[in-house]
PDB file of N, CA and C in Angstrom:
ATOM      1  N   MET A   1     -44.443 -11.196  -7.064  1.00  0.00           N
ATOM      2  CA  MET A   1     -42.683 -10.376  -7.470  1.00  0.00           C
ATOM      3  C   MET A   1     -42.883  -8.948  -8.311  1.00  0.00           C
ATOM      4  N   GLN A   2     -42.077  -8.171  -7.648  1.00  0.00           N
ATOM      5  CA  GLN A   2     -42.271  -6.647  -8.173  1.00  0.00           C
ATOM      6  C   GLN A   2     -41.680  -7.341  -9.804  1.00  0.00           C
ATOM      7  N   SER A   3     -42.365  -5.915 -10.611  1.00  0.00           N
ATOM      8  CA  SER A   3     -41.968  -6.240 -12.072  1.00  0.00           C
ATOM      9  C   SER A   3     -40.819  -5.045 -12.317  1.00  0.00           C
ATOM     10  N   GLU A   4     -40.292  -4.385 -11.172  1.00  0.00           N
ATOM     11  CA  GLU A   4     -39.247  -3.367 -11.710  1.00  0.00           C
ATOM     12  C   GLU A   4     -37.855  -4.200 -12.220  1.00  0.00           C
ATOM     13  N   THR A   5     -37.753  -3.347 -13.400  1.00  0.00           N
ATOM     14  CA  THR A   5     -36.561  -3.687 -14.109  1.00  0.00           C
ATOM     15  C   THR A   5     -35.461  -4.081 -13.112  1.00  0.00           C
ATOM     16  N   MET A   6     -34.433  -4.960 -13.525  1.00  0.00           N
ATOM     17  CA  MET A   6     -33.337  -4.580 -12.576  1.00  0.00           C
ATOM     18  C   MET A   6     -31.781  -4.271 -13.133  1.00  0.00           C
ATOM     19  N   ASP A   7     -30.954  -3.510 -12.602  1.00  0.00           N
ATOM     20  CA  ASP A   7     -30.226  -3.422 -13.240  1.00  0.00           C
ATOM     21  C   ASP A   7     -29.026  -3.140 -12.051  1.00  0.00           C
ATOM     22  N   LEU A   8     -27.903  -2.684 -12.371  1.00  0.00           N
ATOM     23  CA  LEU A   8     -26.745  -2.410 -11.502  1.00  0.00           C
ATOM     24  C   LEU A   8     -26.705  -1.706 -10.286  1.00  0.00           C
ATOM     25  N   SER A   9     -27.642  -0.625 -10.428  1.00  0.00           N
ATOM     26  CA  SER A   9     -27.824   0.577  -9.912  1.00  0.00           C
ATOM     27  C   SER A   9     -29.043   0.374  -8.915  1.00  0.00           C
ATOM     28  N   ASN A  10     -29.949  -1.067  -8.710  1.00  0.00           N
ATOM     29  CA  ASN A  10     -30.599  -1.159  -8.043  1.00  0.00           C
ATOM     30  C   ASN A  10     -30.456  -2.459  -7.546  1.00  0.00           C
ATOM     31  N   ILE A  11     -29.606  -3.545  -7.742  1.00  0.00           N
ATOM     32  CA  ILE A  11     -29.312  -4.766  -7.308  1.00  0.00           C
ATOM     33  C   ILE A  11     -28.684  -4.497  -5.615  1.00  0.00           C
ATOM     34  N   ALA A  12     -29.060  -5.316  -4.984  1.00  0.00           N
ATOM     35  CA  ALA A  12     -28.514  -5.132  -3.376  1.00  0.00           C
ATOM     36  C   ALA A  12     -28.969  -4.089  -2.804  1.00  0.00           C
ATOM     37  N   ARG A  13     -29.971  -3.388  -2.968  1.00  0.00           N
ATOM     38  CA  ARG A  13     -30.372  -1.725  -2.662  1.00  0.00           C
ATOM     39  C   ARG A  13     -29.264  -1.137  -2.799  1.00  0.00           C
ATOM     40  N   GLY A  14     -28.789  -0.834  -4.067  1.00  0.00           N
ATOM     41  CA  GLY A  14     -27.535  -0.141  -4.228  1.00  0.00           C
ATOM     42  C   GLY A  14     -26.589  -0.451  -3.816  1.00  0.00           C
ATOM     43  N   ALA A  15     -26.123  -1.292  -3.407  1.00  0.00           N
ATOM     44  CA  ALA A  15     -24.760  -1.792  -2.504  1.00  0.00           C
ATOM     45  C   ALA A  15     -23.413  -1.548  -3.682  1.00  0.00           C
ATOM     46  N   ILE A  16     -23.908  -2.279  -4.875  1.00  0.00           N
ATOM     47  CA  ILE A  16     -22.828  -2.509  -5.993  1.00  0.00           C
ATOM     48  C   ILE A  16     -22.418  -0.864  -6.217  1.00  0.00           C
ATOM     49  N   ASN A  17     -23.015   0.089  -6.582  1.00  0.00           N
ATOM     50  CA  ASN A  17     -22.818   1.397  -6.952  1.00  0.00           C
ATOM     51  C   ASN A  17     -22.087   1.718  -5.938  1.00  0.00           C
ATOM     52  N   GLU A  18     -22.611   1.745  -4.494  1.00  0.00           N
ATOM     53  CA  GLU A  18     -21.567   2.320  -3.706  1.00  0.00           C
ATOM     54  C   GLU A  18     -20.091   1.259  -3.723  1.00  0.00           C
ATOM     55  N   ALA A  19     -20.158   0.462  -3.603  1.00  0.00           N
ATOM     56  CA  ALA A  19     -18.760  -0.253  -3.838  1.00  0.00           C
ATOM     57  C   ALA A  19     -18.140  -0.026  -5.134  1.00  0.00           C
ATOM     58  N   PHE A  20     -18.612   0.431  -5.694  1.00  0.00           N
ATOM     59  CA  PHE A  20     -17.927   0.601  -7.016  1.00  0.00           C
ATOM     60  C   PHE A  20     -17.289   1.971  -6.832  1.00  0.00           C
ATOM     61  N   THR A  21     -18.183   2.785  -6.422  1.00  0.00           N
ATOM     62  CA  THR A  21     -17.875   4.498  -6.169  1.00  0.00           C
ATOM     63  C   THR A  21     -16.836   4.141  -5.217  1.00  0.00           C
ATOM     64  N   GLU A  22     -16.474   3.288  -4.252  1.00  0.00           N
ATOM     65  CA  GLU A  22     -15.391   3.389  -3.263  1.00  0.00           C
ATOM     66  C   GLU A  22     -14.139   3.054  -3.999  1.00  0.00           C
ATOM     67  N   GLU A  23     -14.593   1.808  -5.022  1.00  0.00           N
ATOM     68  CA  GLU A  23     -13.229   1.308  -5.432  1.00  0.00           C
ATOM     69  C   GLU A  23     -12.949   2.183  -6.322  1.00  0.00           C
ATOM     70  N   PHE A  24     -13.761   3.217  -7.004  1.00  0.00           N
ATOM     71  CA  PHE A  24     -13.295   3.720  -8.425  1.00  0.00           C
ATOM     72  C   PHE A  24     -12.361   5.405  -7.436  1.00  0.00           C
ATOM     73  N   LYS A  25     -12.543   5.199  -6.384  1.00  0.00           N
ATOM     74  CA  LYS A  25     -11.925   6.145  -5.426  1.00  0.00           C
ATOM     75  C   LYS A  25     -10.591   5.981  -5.110  1.00  0.00           C
ATOM     76  N   LYS A  26     -10.539   4.441  -4.879  1.00  0.00           N
ATOM     77  CA  LYS A  26      -9.070   4.239  -4.675  1.00  0.00           C
ATOM     78  C   LYS A  26      -8.256   3.810  -6.030  1.00  0.00           C
ATOM     79  N   VAL A  27      -8.826   3.583  -6.989  1.00  0.00           N
ATOM     80  CA  VAL A  27      -8.138   3.708  -8.301  1.00  0.00           C
ATOM     81  C   VAL A  27      -7.637   5.006  -8.532  1.00  0.00           C
ATOM     82  N   LEU A  28      -8.422   5.831  -8.437  1.00  0.00           N
ATOM     83  CA  LEU A  28      -7.661   7.235  -8.583  1.00  0.00           C
ATOM     84  C   LEU A  28      -7.091   7.788  -7.833  1.00  0.00           C
ATOM     85  N   GLU A  29      -7.340   7.486  -6.840  1.00  0.00           N
ATOM     86  CA  GLU A  29      -5.880   7.686  -5.352  1.00  0.00           C
ATOM     87  C   GLU A  29      -4.429   7.337  -5.991  1.00  0.00           C
ATOM     88  N   ASN A  30      -4.811   5.997  -6.492  1.00  0.00           N
ATOM     89  CA  ASN A  30      -3.551   5.143  -6.924  1.00  0.00           C
ATOM     90  C   ASN A  30      -2.882   6.079  -8.064  1.00  0.00           C
ATOM     91  N   ILE A  31      -3.696   6.459  -9.080  1.00  0.00           N
ATOM     92  CA  ILE A  31      -3.223   7.028 -10.039  1.00  0.00           C
ATOM     93  C   ILE A  31      -2.350   7.864  -9.772  1.00  0.00           C
ATOM     94  N   LEU A  32      -2.802   8.508  -9.131  1.00  0.00           N
ATOM     95  CA  LEU A  32      -2.328  10.286  -8.328  1.00  0.00           C
ATOM     96  C   LEU A  32      -1.229  10.051  -7.614  1.00  0.00           C
ATOM     97  N   ASP A  33      -1.161   8.834  -7.040  1.00  0.00           N
ATOM     98  CA  ASP A  33       0.162   8.679  -6.271  1.00  0.00           C
ATOM     99  C   ASP A  33       1.315   8.934  -6.771  1.00  0.00           C
ATOM    100  N   PRO A  34       2.388   9.700  -6.626  1.00  0.00           N
ATOM    101  CA  PRO A  34       3.585   9.559  -7.191  1.00  0.00           C
ATOM    102  C   PRO A  34       4.767   8.693  -7.432  1.00  0.00           C
ATOM    103  N   ASN A  35       4.098   7.680  -6.108  1.00  0.00           N
ATOM    104  CA  ASN A  35       5.085   6.463  -5.762  1.00  0.00           C
ATOM    105  C   ASN A  35       4.824   5.644  -6.530  1.00  0.00           C
ATOM    106  N   THR A  36       3.496   5.922  -7.151  1.00  0.00           N
ATOM    107  CA  THR A  36       3.362   4.188  -8.037  1.00  0.00           C
ATOM    108  C   THR A  36       3.759   4.526  -9.605  1.00  0.00           C
ATOM    109  N   PRO A  37       4.017   3.475 -10.357  1.00  0.00           N
ATOM    110  CA  PRO A  37       4.406   3.807 -11.967  1.00  0.00           C
ATOM    111  C   PRO A  37       3.064   4.041 -12.471  1.00  0.00           C
ATOM    112  N   ALA A  38       3.342   5.235 -13.486  1.00  0.00           N
ATOM    113  CA  ALA A  38       2.148   5.874 -14.065  1.00  0.00           C
ATOM    114  C   ALA A  38       1.554   5.166 -15.068  1.00  0.00           C
ATOM    115  N   LYS A  39       2.338   4.832 -15.767  1.00  0.00           N
ATOM    116  CA  LYS A  39       1.695   3.742 -16.961  1.00  0.00           C
ATOM    117  C   LYS A  39       0.868   2.324 -16.811  1.00  0.00           C
ATOM    118  N   LYS A  40       1.224   1.547 -15.166  1.00  0.00           N
ATOM    119  CA  LYS A  40       0.334   0.730 -15.147  1.00  0.00           C
ATOM    120  C   LYS A  40      -0.794   0.448 -14.865  1.00  0.00           C
ATOM    121  N   LYS A  41      -1.720  -0.566 -15.328  1.00  0.00           N
ATOM    122  CA  LYS A  41      -2.896  -0.432 -15.308  1.00  0.00           C
ATOM    123  C   LYS A  41      -3.633  -0.502 -14.198  1.00  0.00           C
ATOM    124  N   ARG A  42      -4.708  -0.329 -13.847  1.00  0.00           N
ATOM    125  CA  ARG A  42      -5.716  -0.217 -12.616  1.00  0.00           C
ATOM    126  C   ARG A  42      -6.713  -0.911 -13.069  1.00  0.00           C
ATOM    127  N   LYS A  43      -7.520  -1.839 -12.364  1.00  0.00           N
ATOM    128  CA  LYS A  43      -8.681  -2.646 -13.003  1.00  0.00           C
ATOM    129  C   LYS A  43      -9.605  -2.611 -11.863  1.00  0.00           C
ATOM    130  N   ILE A  44     -10.962  -2.509 -12.257  1.00  0.00           N
ATOM    131  CA  ILE A  44     -12.265  -2.705 -11.170  1.00  0.00           C
ATOM    132  C   ILE A  44     -13.000  -3.862 -11.848  1.00  0.00           C
ATOM    133  N   THR A  45     -13.327  -4.831 -10.999  1.00  0.00           N
ATOM    134  CA  THR A  45     -13.986  -6.212 -11.347  1.00  0.00           C
ATOM    135  C   THR A  45     -15.223  -6.258 -10.693  1.00  0.00           C
ATOM    136  N   ILE A  46     -16.560  -6.098 -11.391  1.00  0.00           N
ATOM    137  CA  ILE A  46     -17.708  -6.440 -10.646  1.00  0.00           C
ATOM    138  C   ILE A  46     -18.166  -7.648 -10.875  1.00  0.00           C
ATOM    139  N   SER A  47     -18.531  -8.685  -9.858  1.00  0.00           N
ATOM    140  CA  SER A  47     -18.571 -10.002 -10.105  1.00  0.00           C
ATOM    141  C   SER A  47     -20.104 -10.437  -9.368  1.00  0.00           C
ATOM    142  N   LEU A  48     -21.189 -10.945 -10.009  1.00  0.00           N
ATOM    143  CA  LEU A  48     -22.228 -11.583  -9.658  1.00  0.00           C
ATOM    144  C   LEU A  48     -22.188 -12.877  -9.659  1.00  0.00           C
ATOM    145  N   GLU A  49     -22.420 -13.924  -8.545  1.00  0.00           N
ATOM    146  CA  GLU A  49     -22.644 -15.034  -8.509  1.00  0.00           C
ATOM    147  C   GLU A  49     -23.682 -15.521  -8.003  1.00  0.00           C
ATOM    148  N   PHE A  50     -24.402 -16.229  -8.933  1.00  0.00           N
ATOM    149  CA  PHE A  50     -25.916 -16.665  -8.653  1.00  0.00           C
ATOM    150  C   PHE A  50     -25.753 -18.141  -7.925  1.00  0.00           C
ATOM    151  N   THR A  51     -26.704 -18.255  -7.103  1.00  0.00           N
ATOM    152  CA  THR A  51     -26.564 -20.040  -6.768  1.00  0.00           C
ATOM    153  C   THR A  51     -27.983 -20.165  -6.643  1.00  0.00           C
ATOM    154  N   PRO A  52     -28.693 -20.691  -7.467  1.00  0.00           N
ATOM    155  CA  PRO A  52     -30.058 -20.972  -7.414  1.00  0.00           C
ATOM    156  C   PRO A  52     -30.473 -22.505  -6.383  1.00  0.00           C
ATOM    157  N   ASN A  53     -31.826 -21.819  -6.144  1.00  0.00           N
ATOM    158  CA  ASN A  53     -32.189 -23.367  -4.973  1.00  0.00           C
ATOM    159  C   ASN A  53     -32.721 -24.503  -5.655  1.00  0.00           C
ATOM    160  N   GLU A  54     -33.159 -25.278  -5.292  1.00  0.00           N
ATOM    161  CA  GLU A  54     -33.386 -26.639  -5.767  1.00  0.00           C
ATOM    162  C   GLU A  54     -34.865 -26.195  -6.881  1.00  0.00           C
ATOM    163  N   LYS A  55     -35.735 -25.384  -6.388  1.00  0.00           N
ATOM    164  CA  LYS A  55     -36.824 -25.194  -6.937  1.00  0.00           C
ATOM    165  C   LYS A  55     -36.642 -24.654  -8.594  1.00  0.00           C
ATOM    166  N   ARG A  56     -35.393 -23.794  -8.238  1.00  0.00           N
ATOM    167  CA  ARG A  56     -35.115 -22.642  -9.520  1.00  0.00           C
ATOM    168  C   ARG A  56     -35.903 -21.752  -9.655  1.00  0.00           C
ATOM    169  N   ASP A  57     -36.689 -21.602  -8.373  1.00  0.00           N
ATOM    170  CA  ASP A  57     -37.551 -20.260  -8.803  1.00  0.00           C
ATOM    171  C   ASP A  57     -36.721 -19.114  -7.438  1.00  0.00           C
ATOM    172  N   GLN A  58     -35.653 -19.368  -7.135  1.00  0.00           N
ATOM    173  CA  GLN A  58     -35.237 -18.416  -6.139  1.00  0.00           C
ATOM    174  C   GLN A  58     -33.615 -18.229  -6.453  1.00  0.00           C
ATOM    175  N   ALA A  59     -32.763 -17.387  -6.145  1.00  0.00           N
ATOM    176  CA  ALA A  59     -30.963 -17.807  -6.508  1.00  0.00           C
ATOM    177  C   ALA A  59     -30.776 -16.639  -5.476  1.00  0.00           C
ATOM    178  N   ILE A  60     -29.169 -16.654  -4.427  1.00  0.00           N
ATOM    179  CA  ILE A  60     -28.631 -16.246  -4.090  1.00  0.00           C
ATOM    180  C   ILE A  60     -27.761 -15.550  -4.892  1.00  0.00           C
ATOM    181  N   VAL A  61     -27.517 -14.270  -5.021  1.00  0.00           N
ATOM    182  CA  VAL A  61     -26.869 -13.540  -5.779  1.00  0.00           C
ATOM    183  C   VAL A  61     -25.828 -12.810  -4.706  1.00  0.00           C
ATOM    184  N   ASN A  62     -24.407 -13.398  -4.796  1.00  0.00           N
ATOM    185  CA  ASN A  62     -23.503 -12.696  -4.069  1.00  0.00           C
ATOM    186  C   ASN A  62     -22.767 -11.756  -4.889  1.00  0.00           C
ATOM    187  N   THR A  63     -22.641 -10.596  -4.479  1.00  0.00           N
ATOM    188  CA  THR A  63     -22.083  -9.498  -5.396  1.00  0.00           C
ATOM    189  C   THR A  63     -20.726  -8.931  -4.660  1.00  0.00           C
ATOM    190  N   VAL A  64     -19.490  -8.911  -5.557  1.00  0.00           N
ATOM    191  CA  VAL A  64     -18.470  -8.561  -4.987  1.00  0.00           C
ATOM    192  C   VAL A  64     -17.797  -7.432  -6.054  1.00  0.00           C
ATOM    193  N   VAL A  65     -17.109  -5.894  -5.641  1.00  0.00           N
ATOM    194  CA  VAL A  65     -16.365  -5.364  -6.467  1.00  0.00           C
ATOM    195  C   VAL A  65     -15.199  -5.017  -5.754  1.00  0.00           C
ATOM    196  N   LYS A  66     -14.187  -5.055  -7.112  1.00  0.00           N
ATOM    197  CA  LYS A  66     -13.062  -4.971  -6.159  1.00  0.00           C
ATOM    198  C   LYS A  66     -12.196  -4.446  -6.978  1.00  0.00           C
ATOM    199  N   SER A  67     -11.338  -3.774  -6.527  1.00  0.00           N
ATOM    200  CA  SER A  67     -10.171  -3.060  -7.055  1.00  0.00           C
ATOM    201  C   SER A  67      -9.061  -3.748  -7.556  1.00  0.00           C
ATOM    202  N   THR A  68      -8.052  -3.396  -8.496  1.00  0.00           N
ATOM    203  CA  THR A  68      -6.667  -4.035  -8.406  1.00  0.00           C
ATOM    204  C   THR A  68      -5.766  -2.914  -8.783  1.00  0.00           C
ATOM    205  N   ILE A  69      -5.299  -2.598  -7.952  1.00  0.00           N
ATOM    206  CA  ILE A  69      -4.278  -1.021  -8.201  1.00  0.00           C
ATOM    207  C   ILE A  69      -2.905  -1.604  -7.867  1.00  0.00           C
ATOM    208  N   VAL A  70      -2.090  -0.383  -8.170  1.00  0.00           N
ATOM    209  CA  VAL A  70      -0.573  -1.044  -8.432  1.00  0.00           C
ATOM    210  C   VAL A  70       0.384  -0.310  -7.214  1.00  0.00           C
ATOM    211  N   PRO A  71       1.303  -1.455  -6.407  1.00  0.00           N
ATOM    212  CA  PRO A  71       1.741  -1.321  -5.304  1.00  0.00           C
ATOM    213  C   PRO A  71       2.735  -0.225  -5.487  1.00  0.00           C
ATOM    214  N   ALA A  72       3.042   0.629  -4.729  1.00  0.00           N
ATOM    215  CA  ALA A  72       4.142   1.590  -4.668  1.00  0.00           C
ATOM    216  C   ALA A  72       5.477   1.069  -4.748  1.00  0.00           C
ATOM    217  N   GLU A  73       6.145   2.156  -5.832  1.00  0.00           N
ATOM    218  CA  GLU A  73       7.726   1.584  -6.320  1.00  0.00           C
ATOM    219  C   GLU A  73       8.276   1.504  -4.889  1.00  0.00           C
ATOM    220  N   SER A  74       9.162   0.105  -4.898  1.00  0.00           N
ATOM    221  CA  SER A  74      10.147   0.033  -3.675  1.00  0.00           C
ATOM    222  C   SER A  74      11.550   1.160  -3.809  1.00  0.00           C
ATOM    223  N   VAL A  75      12.109   1.499  -2.693  1.00  0.00           N
ATOM    224  CA  VAL A  75      12.675   2.476  -2.685  1.00  0.00           C
ATOM    225  C   VAL A  75      14.230   1.468  -1.829  1.00  0.00           C
ATOM    226  N   ASP A  76      15.191   1.552  -2.291  1.00  0.00           N
ATOM    227  CA  ASP A  76      16.409   1.188  -1.653  1.00  0.00           C
ATOM    228  C   ASP A  76      17.373   2.061  -0.889  1.00  0.00           C
ATOM    229  N   THR A  77      17.891   1.651   0.403  1.00  0.00           N
ATOM    230  CA  THR A  77      18.915   2.454   0.936  1.00  0.00           C
ATOM    231  C   THR A  77      20.091   1.310   1.305  1.00  0.00           C
ATOM    232  N   ILE A  78      20.959   2.417   1.722  1.00  0.00           N
ATOM    233  CA  ILE A  78      22.265   1.364   2.220  1.00  0.00           C
ATOM    234  C   ILE A  78      22.165   1.544   3.848  1.00  0.00           C
ATOM    235  N   VAL A  79      22.311   0.739   4.935  1.00  0.00           N
ATOM    236  CA  VAL A  79      22.590   0.979   6.102  1.00  0.00           C
ATOM    237  C   VAL A  79      24.070   0.243   6.521  1.00  0.00           C
ATOM    238  N   ALA A  80      24.677   1.087   7.146  1.00  0.00           N
ATOM    239  CA  ALA A  80      26.028   0.415   7.880  1.00  0.00           C
ATOM    240  C   ALA A  80      25.610   0.283   9.538  1.00  0.00           C
ATOM    241  N   ILE A  81      26.061  -1.311   9.461  1.00  0.00           N
ATOM    242  CA  ILE A  81      25.856  -1.772  10.727  1.00  0.00           C
ATOM    243  C   ILE A  81      26.911  -2.327  11.294  1.00  0.00           C
ATOM    244  N   GLY A  82      27.136  -1.815  12.823  1.00  0.00           N
ATOM    245  CA  GLY A  82      27.940  -2.205  13.806  1.00  0.00           C
ATOM    246  C   GLY A  82      28.115  -2.264  15.301  1.00  0.00           C
ATOM    247  N   ARG A  83      29.194  -2.103  16.078  1.00  0.00           N
ATOM    248  CA  ARG A  83      28.924  -1.837  17.486  1.00  0.00           C
ATOM    249  C   ARG A  83      29.509  -0.747  17.925  1.00  0.00           C
ATOM    250  N   THR A  84      29.084  -0.515  19.199  1.00  0.00           N
ATOM    251  CA  THR A  84      30.036   0.950  19.853  1.00  0.00           C
ATOM    252  C   THR A  84      31.368   0.282  20.567  1.00  0.00           C
ATOM    253  N   LYS A  85      31.953   1.098  21.011  1.00  0.00           N
ATOM    254  CA  LYS A  85      32.532   0.228  22.051  1.00  0.00           C
ATOM    255  C   LYS A  85      32.378   0.019  23.535  1.00  0.00           C
ATOM    256  N   SER A  86      31.136  -0.108  23.370  1.00  0.00           N
ATOM    257  CA  SER A  86      30.629  -0.773  24.694  1.00  0.00           C
ATOM    258  C   SER A  86      29.823  -1.901  24.055  1.00  0.00           C
ATOM    259  N   GLN A  87      30.079  -2.274  23.040  1.00  0.00           N
ATOM    260  CA  GLN A  87      29.326  -3.611  22.518  1.00  0.00           C
ATOM    261  C   GLN A  87      27.589  -3.108  22.156  1.00  0.00           C
ATOM    262  N   ALA A  88      27.169  -2.281  21.871  1.00  0.00           N
ATOM    263  CA  ALA A  88      25.747  -1.868  21.669  1.00  0.00           C
ATOM    264  C   ALA A  88      25.798  -1.887  19.990  1.00  0.00           C
ATOM    265  N   ILE A  89      24.855  -2.320  19.649  1.00  0.00           N
ATOM    266  CA  ILE A  89      24.620  -2.763  18.195  1.00  0.00           C
ATOM    267  C   ILE A  89      24.049  -1.328  17.671  1.00  0.00           C
ATOM    268  N   ILE A  90      24.721  -0.885  16.358  1.00  0.00           N
ATOM    269  CA  ILE A  90      24.807   0.630  16.022  1.00  0.00           C
ATOM    270  C   ILE A  90      24.358   0.444  14.317  1.00  0.00           C
ATOM    271  N   ALA A  91      23.298   1.368  13.780  1.00  0.00           N
ATOM    272  CA  ALA A  91      22.865   1.297  12.672  1.00  0.00           C
ATOM    273  C   ALA A  91      23.138   2.628  12.234  1.00  0.00           C
ATOM    274  N   GLN A  92      23.273   3.082  10.573  1.00  0.00           N
ATOM    275  CA  GLN A  92      23.164   4.544  10.528  1.00  0.00           C
ATOM    276  C   GLN A  92      23.111   3.941   8.500  1.00  0.00           C
ATOM    277  N   GLU A  93      21.883   5.077   8.624  1.00  0.00           N
ATOM    278  CA  GLU A  93      21.869   5.056   6.796  1.00  0.00           C
ATOM    279  C   GLU A  93      22.685   6.280   6.226  1.00  0.00           C
ATOM    280  N   LEU A  94      23.304   5.571   4.897  1.00  0.00           N
ATOM    281  CA  LEU A  94      24.562   6.038   4.885  1.00  0.00           C
ATOM    282  C   LEU A  94      23.991   6.807   3.347  1.00  0.00           C
ATOM    283  N   MET A  95      23.832   8.031   3.954  1.00  0.00           N
ATOM    284  CA  MET A  95      23.207   8.967   2.977  1.00  0.00           C
ATOM    285  C   MET A  95      24.194   9.158   1.891  1.00  0.00           C
ATOM    286  N   THR A  96      25.659   9.179   2.118  1.00  0.00           N
ATOM    287  CA  THR A  96      26.758   9.828   0.742  1.00  0.00           C
ATOM    288  C   THR A  96      26.683   8.556   0.078  1.00  0.00           C
ATOM    289  N   GLN A  97      26.685   7.284   0.068  1.00  0.00           N
ATOM    290  CA  GLN A  97      26.661   5.790  -0.225  1.00  0.00           C
ATOM    291  C   GLN A  97      28.190   5.254  -0.058  1.00  0.00           C
ATOM    292  N   ALA A  98      28.858   6.135   1.171  1.00  0.00           N
ATOM    293  CA  ALA A  98      30.414   5.684   1.225  1.00  0.00           C
ATOM    294  C   ALA A  98      30.660   5.491   2.624  1.00  0.00           C
ATOM    295  N   VAL A  99      31.161   4.718   2.764  1.00  0.00           N
ATOM    296  CA  VAL A  99      31.419   3.922   4.465  1.00  0.00           C
ATOM    297  C   VAL A  99      32.330   5.233   4.837  1.00  0.00           C
ATOM    298  N   GLY A 100      32.579   5.402   5.738  1.00  0.00           N
ATOM    299  CA  GLY A 100      33.557   6.505   6.437  1.00  0.00           C
ATOM    300  C   GLY A 100      33.754   7.863   5.746  1.00  0.00           C
ATOM    301  N   GLN A 101      32.562   8.517   4.758  1.00  0.00           N
ATOM    302  CA  GLN A 101      32.740  10.033   4.056  1.00  0.00           C
ATOM    303  C   GLN A 101      31.946  10.664   5.239  1.00  0.00           C
ATOM    304  N   LEU A 102      32.790  11.969   5.401  1.00  0.00           N
ATOM    305  CA  LEU A 102      31.979  12.767   6.561  1.00  0.00           C
ATOM    306  C   LEU A 102      31.096  13.749   5.956  1.00  0.00           C
ATOM    307  N   GLU A 103      30.189  14.624   6.594  1.00  0.00           N
ATOM    308  CA  GLU A 103      29.545  15.716   5.660  1.00  0.00           C
ATOM    309  C   GLU A 103      29.942  16.866   6.191  1.00  0.00           C
ATOM    310  N   ILE A 104      30.272  18.250   6.097  1.00  0.00           N
ATOM    311  CA  ILE A 104      29.923  19.147   6.498  1.00  0.00           C
ATOM    312  C   ILE A 104      29.100  19.935   6.341  1.00  0.00           C
ATOM    313  N   THR A 105      28.509  20.526   7.758  1.00  0.00           N
ATOM    314  CA  THR A 105      26.955  20.960   7.810  1.00  0.00           C
ATOM    315  C   THR A 105      27.542  22.182   7.403  1.00  0.00           C
ATOM    316  N   ASN A 106      26.125  23.256   7.184  1.00  0.00           N
ATOM    317  CA  ASN A 106      26.281  24.737   7.292  1.00  0.00           C
ATOM    318  C   ASN A 106      26.680  25.274   8.046  1.00  0.00           C
ATOM    319  N   ASN A 107      27.241  25.282   9.417  1.00  0.00           N
ATOM    320  CA  ASN A 107      27.627  25.545  10.744  1.00  0.00           C
ATOM    321  C   ASN A 107      29.096  25.062  10.569  1.00  0.00           C
ATOM    322  N   GLY A 108      29.649  24.430   9.612  1.00  0.00           N
ATOM    323  CA  GLY A 108      30.964  24.208   9.818  1.00  0.00           C
ATOM    324  C   GLY A 108      30.889  23.063  10.636  1.00  0.00           C
ATOM    325  N   ASN A 109      30.406  22.445  11.418  1.00  0.00           N
ATOM    326  CA  ASN A 109      30.382  20.507  11.715  1.00  0.00           C
ATOM    327  C   ASN A 109      31.101  19.945  10.856  1.00  0.00           C
ATOM    328  N   ILE A 110      31.532  18.897  11.064  1.00  0.00           N
ATOM    329  CA  ILE A 110      31.928  17.769  10.540  1.00  0.00           C
ATOM    330  C   ILE A 110      31.246  16.655  11.084  1.00  0.00           C
ATOM    331  N   GLU A 111      30.343  15.841  10.290  1.00  0.00           N
ATOM    332  CA  GLU A 111      29.133  15.019  10.970  1.00  0.00           C
ATOM    333  C   GLU A 111      29.603  13.803   9.942  1.00  0.00           C
ATOM    334  N   GLU A 112      28.986  12.327  10.510  1.00  0.00           N
ATOM    335  CA  GLU A 112      28.366  11.503   9.687  1.00  0.00           C
ATOM    336  C   GLU A 112      27.438  11.593   9.188  1.00  0.00           C
ATOM    337  N   PRO A 113      26.876  11.761   7.985  1.00  0.00           N
ATOM    338  CA  PRO A 113      25.609  11.840   7.332  1.00  0.00           C
ATOM    339  C   PRO A 113      24.715  11.397   7.707  1.00  0.00           C
ATOM    340  N   GLY A 114      23.433  11.018   7.735  1.00  0.00           N
ATOM    341  CA  GLY A 114      22.205  10.334   7.856  1.00  0.00           C
ATOM    342  C   GLY A 114      21.942   9.807   9.669  1.00  0.00           C
ATOM    343  N   THR A 115      20.715   9.132   9.788  1.00  0.00           N
ATOM    344  CA  THR A 115      20.203   8.964  10.807  1.00  0.00           C
ATOM    345  C   THR A 115      21.152   7.541  11.845  1.00  0.00           C
ATOM    346  N   LYS A 116      21.606   8.140  12.956  1.00  0.00           N
ATOM    347  CA  LYS A 116      22.149   6.776  13.646  1.00  0.00           C
ATOM    348  C   LYS A 116      21.030   6.482  14.618  1.00  0.00           C
ATOM    349  N   ILE A 117      21.171   5.081  14.897  1.00  0.00           N
ATOM    350  CA  ILE A 117      20.387   4.676  16.029  1.00  0.00           C
ATOM    351  C   ILE A 117      21.341   3.522  16.759  1.00  0.00           C
ATOM    352  N   ILE A 118      21.270   3.659  18.102  1.00  0.00           N
ATOM    353  CA  ILE A 118      21.980   2.653  18.953  1.00  0.00           C
ATOM    354  C   ILE A 118      20.892   2.048  19.643  1.00  0.00           C
ATOM    355  N   PHE A 119      21.239   0.894  19.323  1.00  0.00           N
ATOM    356  CA  PHE A 119      20.551   0.181  20.216  1.00  0.00           C
ATOM    357  C   PHE A 119      21.465  -0.670  21.500  1.00  0.00           C
ATOM    358  N   LYS A 120      20.648  -0.252  22.776  1.00  0.00           N
ATOM    359  CA  LYS A 120      21.435  -0.607  23.894  1.00  0.00           C
ATOM    360  C   LYS A 120      21.704  -1.813  24.248  1.00  0.00           C
ATOM    361  N   LYS A 121      22.741  -2.305  24.587  1.00  0.00           N
ATOM    362  CA  LYS A 121      22.880  -3.843  24.937  1.00  0.00           C
ATOM    363  C   LYS A 121      22.238  -4.205  26.504  1.00  0.00           C
ATOM    364  N   GLU A 122      21.459  -5.235  26.013  1.00  0.00           N
ATOM    365  CA  GLU A 122      20.812  -5.880  27.517  1.00  0.00           C
ATOM    366  C   GLU A 122      21.312  -5.832  28.938  1.00  0.00           C
ATOM    367  N   GLU A 123      20.832  -5.580  30.100  1.00  0.00           N
ATOM    368  CA  GLU A 123      21.658  -5.813  30.669  1.00  0.00           C
ATOM    369  C   GLU A 123      21.602  -6.830  31.450  1.00  0.00           C
ATOM    370  N   GLU A 124      22.605  -7.645  31.898  1.00  0.00           N
ATOM    371  CA  GLU A 124      22.592  -9.370  32.028  1.00  0.00           C
ATOM    372  C   GLU A 124      22.401  -9.297  33.619  1.00  0.00           C
TER     373      GLU A 124
END
C-alpha cells in the first residue's frame, strides 16, 4: 500500500476536484442569472460514503458532489382563449391586460396586441 497522504485533491484520481469545479461553475452561473432571486442561498455538498469489506481492510468509497441552486422566478401572463367563426380554437396573450383593448401601432394601424395563435380544426 502506498504511503501517500490522502486529501480531497487526490481521492478518486482527482474526480472530486473536477466535479467540484463543475458544480462551482453552476452555482456562479445561477448567481449571475437575473431571473433568479439574488439573496437566496446556494449550496455545494461533497459526500463520501464508505462501505468496508468483511475483513475491514478495504472500503469502497462512493463520492458525490452536487449543488443546490435556485430556480428561476416564475412569470405570469394572461391568455385570452376562444374560437374563430369557423370554430378553430384561438389563443392570444393579452399584452395590455384588458380583453378587447386595441393598440395603435407606429404606422397608425389598429391591432389587438399580443401574439395570436390559431389552432386549425381537424378535418373530419
